[in-house]
Amino acid sequence: MSHLVSIRVDDATLQAVRSNAHRLHLTQTDYIRTAIERMNQKLYAEERKSSLQRASVAVRSESMEVNADFDKVEHDPEA
């Protein structure tokens, strides 16, 4: 299902949309739709990256403990 969204843009932005859409052989609607989709994808990727960074920080100290245990075994297999 599609919905109609109305937006207001200044003259310079409208001219850029018209020019870029024409250059890319797209309708203005397709150009704007693609821009919105790309922005949504970018925000999703940024949110995912942030989530992974938070998870990494949350397990960092435990990872350091495991690394320390491996170091002990690596240097002294009898430990």
Protein backbone atom coordinates (compact mmCIF):
# COMPACT_ATOMS: atom_id res chain seq x y z
CA MET A 1 0.00 0.00 0.00
CA SER A 2 1.36 3.40 -0.85
CA HIS A 3 0.62 6.71 0.82
CA LEU A 4 0.89 10.29 -0.29
CA VAL A 5 3.35 12.50 1.62
CA SER A 6 3.43 16.21 1.00
CA ILE A 7 6.61 18.18 1.72
CA ARG A 8 7.74 21.77 1.47
CA VAL A 9 11.21 22.53 0.15
CA ASP A 10 12.98 25.74 -0.72
CA ASP A 11 13.60 26.72 -4.33
CA ALA A 12 17.23 25.60 -4.33
CA THR A 13 16.34 22.13 -3.02
CA LEU A 14 13.54 21.74 -5.56
CA GLN A 15 15.85 22.76 -8.38
CA ALA A 16 18.48 20.25 -7.19
CA VAL A 17 15.84 17.50 -7.09
CA ARG A 18 14.64 18.36 -10.59
CA SER A 19 18.15 18.58 -11.99
CA ASN A 20 19.45 15.41 -10.36
CA ALA A 21 16.34 13.41 -11.22
CA HIS A 22 16.59 14.51 -14.85
CA ARG A 23 20.30 13.69 -14.99
CA LEU A 24 19.62 10.21 -13.58
CA HIS A 25 16.60 9.66 -15.86
CA LEU A 26 14.27 9.35 -12.87
CA THR A 27 11.01 10.99 -12.01
CA GLN A 28 11.15 13.46 -9.14
CA THR A 29 9.04 11.03 -7.13
CA ASP A 30 11.45 8.14 -7.73
CA TYR A 31 14.41 10.36 -6.91
CA ILE A 32 12.86 11.45 -3.59
CA ARG A 33 11.70 7.89 -2.79
CA THR A 34 15.24 6.60 -3.37
CA ALA A 35 16.69 9.35 -1.20
CA ILE A 36 14.32 8.45 1.64
CA GLU A 37 15.10 4.73 1.30
CA ARG A 38 18.85 5.40 1.38
CA MET A 39 18.51 7.60 4.44
CA ASN A 40 16.50 4.89 6.19
CA GLN A 41 19.18 2.32 5.32
CA LYS A 42 21.92 4.64 6.56
CA LEU A 43 20.14 5.22 9.87
CA TYR A 44 19.54 1.48 10.29
CA ALA A 45 23.25 0.80 9.67
CA GLU A 46 24.28 3.50 12.16
CA GLU A 47 21.90 2.09 14.80
CA ARG A 48 23.25 -1.43 14.21
CA LYS A 49 26.84 -0.20 14.50
CA SER A 50 26.03 1.62 17.73
CA SER A 51 24.31 -1.47 19.13
CA LEU A 52 27.29 -3.67 18.28
CA GLN A 53 29.68 -1.16 19.86
CA ARG A 54 27.62 -1.14 23.08
CA ALA A 55 27.61 -4.94 23.13
CA SER A 56 31.35 -5.00 22.54
CA VAL A 57 31.97 -2.65 25.45
CA ALA A 58 29.67 -4.73 27.65
CA VAL A 59 31.71 -7.92 27.10
CA ARG A 60 35.14 -6.30 26.83
CA SER A 61 36.22 -6.94 30.43
CA GLU A 62 35.14 -10.60 30.23
CA SER A 63 37.04 -10.96 26.95
CA MET A 64 40.15 -9.52 28.58
CA GLU A 65 39.89 -12.11 31.38
CA VAL A 66 39.57 -14.93 28.84
CA ASN A 67 42.56 -13.54 26.90
CA ALA A 68 44.59 -13.45 30.11
CA ASP A 69 43.71 -17.10 30.78
CA PHE A 70 44.81 -18.06 27.27
CA ASP A 71 48.06 -16.15 27.74
CA LYS A 72 48.80 -18.18 30.87
CA VAL A 73 48.20 -21.47 29.08
CA GLU A 74 50.10 -20.37 26.01
CA HIS A 75 53.23 -19.54 28.02
CA ASP A 76 52.87 -22.38 30.55
CA PRO A 77 50.84 -25.32 29.20
CA GLU A 78 50.91 -26.95 32.64
CA ALA A 79 49.03 -24.00 34.22
